[in-house]
Structure formats: C-alpha cells, structure tokens
Protein backbone atom coordinates (compact mmCIF):
# COMPACT_ATOMS: atom_id res chain seq x y z
CA MET A 1 65.67 79.21 29.82
CA GLY A 2 65.66 82.98 30.98
CA LYS A 3 64.08 82.11 34.52
CA THR A 4 67.22 79.79 35.12
CA LEU A 5 69.86 82.22 33.82
CA HIS A 6 68.75 84.66 36.54
CA ALA A 7 68.16 81.98 39.35
CA ILE A 8 71.81 81.57 38.04
CA GLY A 9 73.20 84.91 38.34
CA ARG A 10 71.29 85.56 41.81
CA ASN A 11 72.60 82.94 43.18
CA GLN A 12 76.47 83.47 41.98
CA CYS A 13 75.60 87.51 43.82
CA GLN A 14 74.43 85.79 46.73
CA CYS A 15 77.64 83.85 46.74
CA SER A 16 79.97 86.57 46.02
CA MET A 17 78.51 89.02 48.85
CA HIS A 18 79.31 86.00 50.96
CA LEU A 19 82.91 85.64 50.29
CA ILE A 20 83.04 89.16 50.49
CA ARG A 21 81.55 89.14 53.59
CA LEU A 22 84.02 86.48 54.58
CA VAL A 23 87.18 88.15 53.61
CA TYR A 24 86.41 91.28 55.42
CA TRP A 25 85.81 89.32 58.61
CA MET A 26 89.18 87.44 58.29
CA LEU A 27 90.66 90.75 57.96
CA GLU A 28 89.38 92.47 60.58
CA ARG A 29 90.10 89.38 62.80
CA PHE A 30 93.88 89.63 61.74
CA ARG A 31 93.91 93.41 62.35
CA ILE A 32 92.75 92.95 65.97
CA LEU A 33 95.82 90.20 66.44
CA LEU A 34 98.08 92.56 65.20
CA ILE A 35 97.10 95.30 67.61
CA ARG A 36 97.27 92.61 70.56
CA ARG A 37 100.50 91.23 69.06
CA GLY A 38 101.71 94.92 69.72
CA CYS A 39 101.59 96.73 66.83
CA GLN A 40 100.57 99.84 66.01
CA LEU A 41 98.70 100.17 62.66
CA SER A 42 99.92 102.84 60.11
CA GLY A 43 97.32 104.60 57.90
CA SER A 44 98.55 102.59 54.82
CA CYS A 45 97.69 99.25 57.05
CA ARG A 46 94.21 100.60 57.34
CA LYS A 47 94.19 100.40 53.14
CA LEU A 48 95.14 96.93 54.10
CA ASP A 49 99.02 96.37 52.77
CA LEU A 50 99.15 95.36 56.42
CA GLN A 51 102.94 97.13 57.24
CA VAL A 52 103.06 97.52 60.89
CA GLN A 53 105.89 98.93 63.31
CA PRO A 54 106.49 98.20 66.69
CA PHE A 55 103.81 99.97 69.47
CA TYR A 56 106.03 98.63 72.81
CA THR A 57 110.11 99.38 71.92
CA SER A 58 110.99 97.15 74.72
CA THR A 59 108.95 94.18 74.82
CA PRO A 60 107.64 94.08 71.39
CA ASN A 61 105.27 91.49 72.11
CA MET A 62 103.62 92.02 75.93
CA ALA A 63 100.09 92.29 74.72
CA GLY A 64 100.50 88.60 72.93
CA ILE A 65 97.79 86.78 74.26
CA GLY A 66 97.06 88.41 77.32
CA ARG A 67 98.59 86.09 79.70
CA LEU A 68 96.58 87.30 82.93
CA SER A 69 99.37 87.78 85.72
CA THR A 70 99.21 89.00 89.54
CA LYS A 71 102.38 91.00 88.87
CA GLY A 72 102.18 93.96 86.86
CA SER A 73 98.33 94.33 87.55
CA VAL A 74 95.89 96.36 88.67
CA LEU A 75 92.43 96.24 89.16
CA LEU A 76 90.68 99.59 88.00
CA LEU A 77 87.13 99.92 89.35
CA CYS A 78 85.00 102.60 87.96
CA ASP A 79 81.95 105.10 89.51
CA MET A 80 80.28 101.93 90.82
CA GLN A 81 77.77 104.93 92.99
CA GLU A 82 74.70 105.53 94.71
CA LYS A 83 72.39 107.75 92.18
CA PHE A 84 73.43 105.22 88.80
CA ARG A 85 71.58 102.22 90.75
CA PRO A 86 67.88 102.38 89.70
CA ASN A 87 69.27 103.35 85.93
CA ILE A 88 71.72 100.95 84.73
CA PHE A 89 71.53 97.64 83.45
CA GLN A 90 72.10 94.85 85.41
CA PHE A 91 73.72 97.56 88.05
CA THR A 92 72.97 94.44 91.26
CA ASN A 93 74.65 91.33 89.35
CA ILE A 94 78.03 93.91 87.89
CA VAL A 95 78.41 95.20 90.77
CA SER A 96 78.27 91.62 92.62
CA ASN A 97 81.09 90.77 90.21
CA ALA A 98 83.13 93.80 90.93
CA ALA A 99 83.52 92.83 94.22
CA ARG A 100 84.67 89.75 93.87
CA LEU A 101 87.19 90.49 91.73
CA LEU A 102 88.15 93.38 94.73
CA GLN A 103 88.02 90.34 97.06
CA ALA A 104 90.24 87.94 94.92
CA ALA A 105 92.94 91.51 94.25
CA ARG A 106 92.90 91.45 98.25
CA VAL A 107 93.68 87.86 98.35
CA LEU A 108 95.95 87.79 95.36
CA GLY A 109 97.85 91.39 96.46
CA ILE A 110 96.58 92.89 93.02
CA PRO A 111 96.17 97.08 94.03
CA PRO A 112 92.63 98.43 93.14
CA ILE A 113 91.96 101.96 92.40
CA VAL A 114 88.43 103.41 92.58
CA THR A 115 87.16 106.63 91.08
CA GLU A 116 84.10 108.50 91.63
CA GLN A 117 82.15 110.84 88.77
CA TYR A 118 80.86 113.59 90.44
CA PRO A 119 80.14 112.35 93.56
CA LYS A 120 78.97 115.57 95.00
CA GLY A 121 75.98 115.11 92.56
CA LEU A 122 76.02 111.39 91.57
CA GLY A 123 76.70 110.42 95.38
CA PRO A 124 79.76 107.58 96.78
CA THR A 125 80.57 104.24 96.05
CA VAL A 126 77.46 101.66 96.77
CA PRO A 127 78.83 99.90 100.19
CA GLU A 128 78.27 96.09 98.49
CA LEU A 129 81.00 97.00 96.37
CA GLY A 130 83.38 96.45 99.76
CA ALA A 131 85.59 99.42 98.99
CA GLY A 132 84.38 101.73 101.46
CA ASP A 133 88.70 101.83 102.86
CA LEU A 134 89.74 102.44 99.42
CA THR A 135 90.16 106.26 98.76
CA ALA A 136 87.80 106.95 96.06
CA HIS A 137 89.52 108.96 93.64
CA ALA A 138 86.75 112.07 92.19
CA LYS A 139 86.56 113.17 88.96
CA THR A 140 84.27 114.71 86.11
CA LYS A 141 85.85 113.48 83.52
CA PHE A 142 84.84 110.61 81.64
CA THR A 143 88.72 108.64 81.75
CA MET A 144 89.41 107.04 84.84
CA MET A 145 93.03 108.23 84.33
CA ILE A 146 93.42 111.84 85.91
CA GLU A 147 96.30 113.13 87.70
CA PRO A 148 95.45 110.76 90.73
CA VAL A 149 95.61 107.82 89.32
CA GLU A 150 98.07 108.68 87.40
CA LYS A 151 100.11 109.13 90.35
CA GLU A 152 99.10 106.36 92.07
CA LEU A 153 99.78 104.42 88.52
CA LYS A 154 103.48 105.66 89.12
CA ALA A 155 103.89 105.23 92.58
CA LEU A 156 102.29 101.23 92.24
CA GLY A 157 105.74 100.57 89.80
CA ASP A 158 103.69 101.45 86.14
CA PRO A 159 101.27 98.35 86.16
CA LYS A 160 101.62 96.68 82.93
CA ILE A 161 98.06 95.36 82.73
CA ALA A 162 94.65 96.96 83.75
CA ILE A 163 91.76 94.68 85.10
CA LEU A 164 88.92 97.25 84.46
CA CYS A 165 85.26 96.99 85.31
CA GLY A 166 82.41 99.44 86.54
CA ILE A 167 80.20 101.98 84.61
CA GLU A 168 79.08 103.44 81.93
CA THR A 169 80.64 101.37 78.78
CA GLN A 170 80.34 103.64 76.30
CA ALA A 171 81.83 106.46 78.41
CA CYS A 172 83.84 106.26 81.33
CA ILE A 173 84.89 102.29 80.50
CA ALA A 174 85.79 102.71 76.62
CA CYS A 175 87.82 106.51 77.63
CA THR A 176 89.84 104.53 79.65
CA THR A 177 90.25 102.05 77.87
CA PHE A 178 91.46 104.20 75.45
CA ASP A 179 94.09 106.17 77.47
CA LEU A 180 95.24 102.82 78.76
CA LEU A 181 96.12 101.33 75.58
CA GLU A 182 97.38 104.84 74.30
CA LYS A 183 99.82 104.43 77.09
CA GLY A 184 101.06 100.62 76.09
CA MET A 185 99.53 99.05 78.86
CA GLU A 186 97.17 95.35 78.27
CA VAL A 187 93.44 95.59 78.90
CA HIS A 188 91.37 93.12 79.87
CA ILE A 189 88.02 94.99 80.56
CA VAL A 190 85.11 92.48 82.66
CA ALA A 191 82.33 92.25 80.40
CA ASP A 192 80.12 90.65 83.08
CA ALA A 193 81.03 93.29 85.32
CA VAL A 194 80.45 96.46 83.10
CA SER A 195 77.37 97.72 82.20
CA SER A 196 75.18 100.82 81.06
CA ARG A 197 72.16 102.26 81.12
CA SER A 198 71.48 100.48 77.69
CA GLN A 199 71.63 97.72 76.66
CA THR A 200 72.67 98.66 72.99
CA ASP A 201 75.32 100.91 74.29
CA ARG A 202 76.49 98.04 76.26
CA LEU A 203 77.24 96.06 73.38
CA PHE A 204 78.10 98.48 70.93
CA ALA A 205 81.07 99.49 73.61
CA LEU A 206 82.46 96.53 74.31
CA SER A 207 82.67 95.42 70.62
CA ARG A 208 84.59 98.68 69.45
CA LEU A 209 86.71 97.63 72.28
CA ARG A 210 87.57 95.09 71.04
CA GLN A 211 88.47 96.29 67.75
CA SER A 212 90.62 98.79 69.40
CA GLY A 213 92.68 95.67 71.22
CA ALA A 214 91.02 95.36 74.73
CA PHE A 215 90.81 91.63 75.77
CA LEU A 216 87.13 90.82 76.85
CA THR A 217 86.67 88.48 79.86
CA THR A 218 84.62 87.31 82.79
CA THR A 219 84.47 87.36 85.81
CA GLU A 220 85.30 83.70 87.06
CA ALA A 221 87.78 83.46 83.97
CA VAL A 222 89.79 86.36 85.48
CA LEU A 223 90.04 84.47 88.92
CA LEU A 224 91.01 81.33 87.28
CA GLN A 225 93.62 82.27 85.21
CA LEU A 226 94.81 84.89 88.01
CA VAL A 227 95.90 81.65 90.11
CA GLN A 228 96.55 79.24 87.56
CA ASP A 229 97.11 76.18 89.43
CA ALA A 230 94.97 74.50 92.27
CA GLN A 231 98.15 74.45 94.15
CA HIS A 232 98.57 77.78 94.15
CA PRO A 233 98.82 79.16 97.87
CA ASN A 234 95.43 81.15 97.70
CA PHE A 235 93.28 78.95 95.39
CA ARG A 236 91.62 77.79 98.31
CA GLU A 237 90.54 81.72 99.48
CA ILE A 238 89.54 82.07 95.32
CA GLN A 239 87.06 79.10 94.95
CA LYS A 240 84.93 80.35 98.16
CA LEU A 241 84.36 82.90 95.61
CA LEU A 242 83.42 80.99 92.79
CA VAL A 243 81.05 78.60 94.60
CA GLN A 244 78.01 80.28 93.24
CA PRO A 245 78.54 81.21 89.20
CA SER A 246 78.71 84.51 88.37
CA PRO A 247 75.08 85.92 87.82
CA ASP A 248 73.79 86.63 84.15
CA THR A 249 74.41 89.60 82.55
CA ALA A 250 72.75 89.41 79.26
CA LEU A 251 75.89 88.90 77.11
CA LEU A 252 74.81 85.97 75.35
CA ALA A 253 73.19 88.50 72.79
CA PHE A 254 76.64 89.89 72.02
CA PHE A 255 78.26 86.90 71.20
CA SER A 256 75.49 85.59 69.23
CA SER A 257 76.65 88.24 66.72
CA LEU A 258 80.22 87.40 66.47
C-alpha cells in the first residue's frame, strides 16, 4: 500500500512538472508573439500581467507576421572575410547561401550593404560572395550599425525590413539584430546563412535572437517569399538560383530542441 501511494505521488509530481513546463512554454510563445505584433514589453509584463504599449507609433502592426517584401527591404552582409574561412562552422556553405541572396537582391532591386570586421587583421570579404563591386564598410564594433551604414540606410529611405546574414551569430549578427530591433526594424535572420566558430554559440544565439523578436528563415524561403508568385516578372531568374537545394548547414539539431 505504501509503495502504491508513493508511486501515485511521484506520478502526480511528474504530471505537475510537465504542466508547469507547458504553461511556461505557452507564455514564452505568447511573449514572442507580442513582440512580433509590434508591442514593447513593460517591466510589469515581464512579471506576466501582460500589459503592453505600442512600439511603432505610425504603423503599430508593422512587424505583424513577418511577410517579406522587395519594397522597403535591405540585405545586410556581415563580415564574411578571408581569415574566418578555416574557423567558422560550415563557412563554405554559409557564404554560398549568402551569395544566392546577393544575386537575388540584385535581380529584385534590393540594396545590399557589406561590412568587414577589422579588415587590416582579418582580411577582405571572400571573393565567392560576389560582392567585389560593393563598398565594404570597415568596423571594429560588433554591430553593423556604424555611422557609414546608418548614413547609407538613411539615403535608402530608411528601409523597414532587414534580411541579415554573415558571421558570427553570437557576436556581430546578434549585436546588429538588437540595434535594428531597437530602431523599430523588422529583422529576418537567414539561419542557413549565418554561423559561428562553435555550433553551440550559433544555435544558442539563434534561440536568443528569436526570443528578442527576430524572424528566423532560410535562403530558399527568402527567395520564394520575395517573389510570391510564379507570374512575377523576375521569377525565372530567381528559379535558376533554386535549381540546387541550399546546402545543409546542420540546423536540424536546433529545431529538434524547439
């Protein structure tokens, strides 16, 4: 009898723990949804009374569902440089995917911006990216949002959507994302076009940035969502970029943990 009661109590405890985990999971999903709907969480909201205030004053639902558009978008290519080549996880495939995005941006009229982290020591942008004709903005900060980039964004009419790829995920990609979100921009991180030296840093950074309100996507998803229709005048050119599927960059471990 005692053993039976002990077993029942243990099962009830396990059920309670599963229920608690489920509730926290649901609250976390709701918190992310609020951020994506254009709401800034107050301190009291973090304590789960869920009061919100508008973050965007003119278009409060701009972040919405994260629909991509060629209008008002910019492609940000972060620090894909020669010295990183031997150390970055899946470097070749990351650059290959980023190169597809750059080709598509040229076809669709989306302006690209390139940065380089301390190029004197880390070398130039790798040639296979195909960005040799673009001015690369040198920086030492771990964000792309340096003064020359800010000026270029202003000259472009302050785009509202950033498509972001490059390295490293936990450093320059993360810092850039935080700055863009604070500016009120919608950020789409191309998960198979960003990486780090460590797969652990890469995957945890993606999870952290998703919590902050960035959208995670893939190279092929970006290309298809930008054209949206097989009748799009540039669809054939984009279709050529999709003949071969994007190379695997070992993201399944990340999504199996969600």
